[in-house]
Amino acid sequence: MQLENELVVDYTITANASDGQDFIELIETTKNDYNKTPEMATADGGYGNEENYDYCEKENIKANLKPITLNQEQTANEEKNKYKKINFKYNEEKDEYICPEKKHCVIHQKRNAVTQTVI
């Protein structure tokens, strides 16, 4: 996706190394300041977590957030790191993963976790 004519409307400076938790607050501040929900949000890899994607989907905001795992996915060596999570493919229709050996892995238990950085 090529971005042109974009405008920065909010920012934050923090000592928190994991700035992804600030994303929703930034968008909410922007909504209050401009009395409008942004159509799109663009941010670097620190913001590309599941919570922020879910929030954007709920608010109908097009999310252009770099996935946290993007660099890992681009540099994964399938033989050396064969069983790392990024080498498993998810089949949404069947709600299962397919391992690098092409075996179907049925999900027996799901766990919802909220990520949070504590200083």
Protein backbone atom coordinates (compact mmCIF):
# COMPACT_ATOMS: atom_id res chain seq x y z
CA MET A 1 0.00 0.00 0.00
CA GLN A 2 1.41 3.36 -0.98
CA LEU A 3 0.52 6.26 1.27
CA GLU A 4 0.36 9.77 -0.09
CA ASN A 5 -0.88 13.06 1.31
CA GLU A 6 -1.09 11.69 4.85
CA LEU A 7 -1.30 13.93 7.91
CA VAL A 8 -0.07 13.23 11.44
CA VAL A 9 -2.84 14.27 13.81
CA ASP A 10 -1.54 12.89 17.11
CA TYR A 11 1.60 11.44 18.65
CA THR A 12 2.98 10.45 22.00
CA ILE A 13 6.43 10.27 23.56
CA THR A 14 6.84 7.47 26.05
CA ALA A 15 9.55 5.57 27.88
CA ASN A 16 7.54 2.40 27.34
CA ALA A 17 9.36 0.15 24.87
CA SER A 18 6.09 -1.50 23.84
CA ASP A 19 4.09 1.46 22.61
CA GLY A 20 1.31 -0.70 21.14
CA GLN A 21 -0.79 -0.22 24.24
CA ASP A 22 -1.01 3.55 23.52
CA PHE A 23 -2.73 3.12 20.15
CA ILE A 24 -6.36 3.03 21.29
CA GLU A 25 -5.85 6.05 23.55
CA LEU A 26 -4.30 7.98 20.62
CA ILE A 27 -7.25 7.17 18.36
CA GLU A 28 -9.77 8.06 21.08
CA THR A 29 -7.98 11.40 21.64
CA THR A 30 -8.08 12.07 17.91
CA LYS A 31 -11.80 11.24 17.78
CA ASN A 32 -12.48 13.66 20.64
CA ASP A 33 -10.25 16.44 19.30
CA TYR A 34 -11.71 16.35 15.79
CA ASN A 35 -15.19 15.03 16.63
CA LYS A 36 -14.70 12.42 13.91
CA THR A 37 -13.48 8.83 13.65
CA PRO A 38 -10.45 8.51 11.36
CA GLU A 39 -11.02 6.49 8.19
CA MET A 40 -7.52 5.00 8.39
CA ALA A 41 -4.76 4.63 10.95
CA THR A 42 -1.13 4.09 9.99
CA ALA A 43 1.51 3.09 12.53
CA ASP A 44 4.79 1.22 12.82
CA GLY A 45 5.39 -2.31 14.05
CA GLY A 46 5.03 -1.47 17.73
CA TYR A 47 1.31 -0.96 17.18
CA GLY A 48 0.53 -4.03 15.04
CA ASN A 49 -0.98 -6.25 17.73
CA GLU A 50 -4.27 -8.15 17.82
CA GLU A 51 -5.96 -5.74 20.24
CA ASN A 52 -5.33 -2.78 17.95
CA TYR A 53 -6.51 -4.64 14.86
CA ASP A 54 -9.68 -5.70 16.71
CA TYR A 55 -10.29 -2.13 17.85
CA CYS A 56 -9.91 -0.78 14.30
CA GLU A 57 -12.30 -3.40 12.97
CA LYS A 58 -14.88 -2.55 15.64
CA GLU A 59 -14.55 1.19 14.89
CA ASN A 60 -14.55 0.69 11.08
CA ILE A 61 -11.06 2.15 10.79
CA LYS A 62 -8.83 0.84 8.00
CA ALA A 63 -5.74 -0.38 9.87
CA ASN A 64 -2.39 0.06 8.16
CA LEU A 65 -0.35 -1.29 11.06
CA LYS A 66 2.85 -3.21 10.51
CA PRO A 67 2.38 -6.67 12.05
CA ILE A 68 4.75 -7.24 14.96
CA THR A 69 5.87 -10.53 13.38
CA LEU A 70 6.41 -9.17 9.85
CA ASN A 71 10.21 -9.19 10.03
CA GLN A 72 10.19 -12.67 11.53
CA GLU A 73 7.92 -13.93 8.75
CA GLN A 74 10.10 -12.39 6.06
CA THR A 75 13.30 -13.91 7.42
CA ALA A 76 12.01 -17.30 8.58
CA ASN A 77 14.13 -20.15 7.42
CA GLU A 78 11.66 -23.03 7.16
CA GLU A 79 14.23 -25.79 7.63
CA LYS A 80 16.12 -24.15 10.48
CA ASN A 81 12.96 -22.91 12.24
CA LYS A 82 10.55 -25.49 10.89
CA TYR A 83 8.18 -25.65 13.85
CA LYS A 84 8.01 -21.99 14.77
CA LYS A 85 4.49 -20.58 14.90
CA ILE A 86 4.96 -18.50 11.75
CA ASN A 87 5.41 -21.69 9.71
CA PHE A 88 1.98 -23.03 10.65
CA LYS A 89 -0.85 -22.04 8.31
CA TYR A 90 -4.30 -21.34 9.75
CA ASN A 91 -7.41 -22.65 7.99
CA GLU A 92 -10.19 -20.35 9.19
CA GLU A 93 -12.94 -22.42 7.57
CA LYS A 94 -11.97 -25.55 9.51
CA ASP A 95 -10.58 -23.67 12.54
CA GLU A 96 -7.34 -25.63 12.46
CA TYR A 97 -3.65 -25.19 11.78
CA ILE A 98 -1.60 -27.08 9.21
CA CYS A 99 1.96 -27.83 10.30
CA PRO A 100 5.01 -27.75 8.00
CA GLU A 101 4.60 -31.53 7.57
CA LYS A 102 1.10 -30.84 6.11
CA LYS A 103 -0.61 -32.48 9.11
CA HIS A 104 -3.85 -31.00 10.41
CA CYS A 105 -3.67 -29.77 13.98
CA VAL A 106 -7.10 -29.49 15.59
CA ILE A 107 -7.49 -26.82 18.27
CA HIS A 108 -8.50 -28.39 21.58
CA GLN A 109 -8.40 -25.31 23.78
CA LYS A 110 -8.48 -21.57 23.13
CA ARG A 111 -7.14 -18.93 25.45
CA ASN A 112 -7.74 -15.19 25.23
CA ALA A 113 -4.89 -13.10 26.55
CA VAL A 114 -4.59 -9.35 26.86
CA THR A 115 -1.10 -8.07 26.23
CA GLN A 116 0.19 -5.43 28.59
CA THR A 117 3.60 -4.05 29.33
CA VAL A 118 4.39 -3.36 32.97
CA ILE A 119 7.21 -0.99 33.87
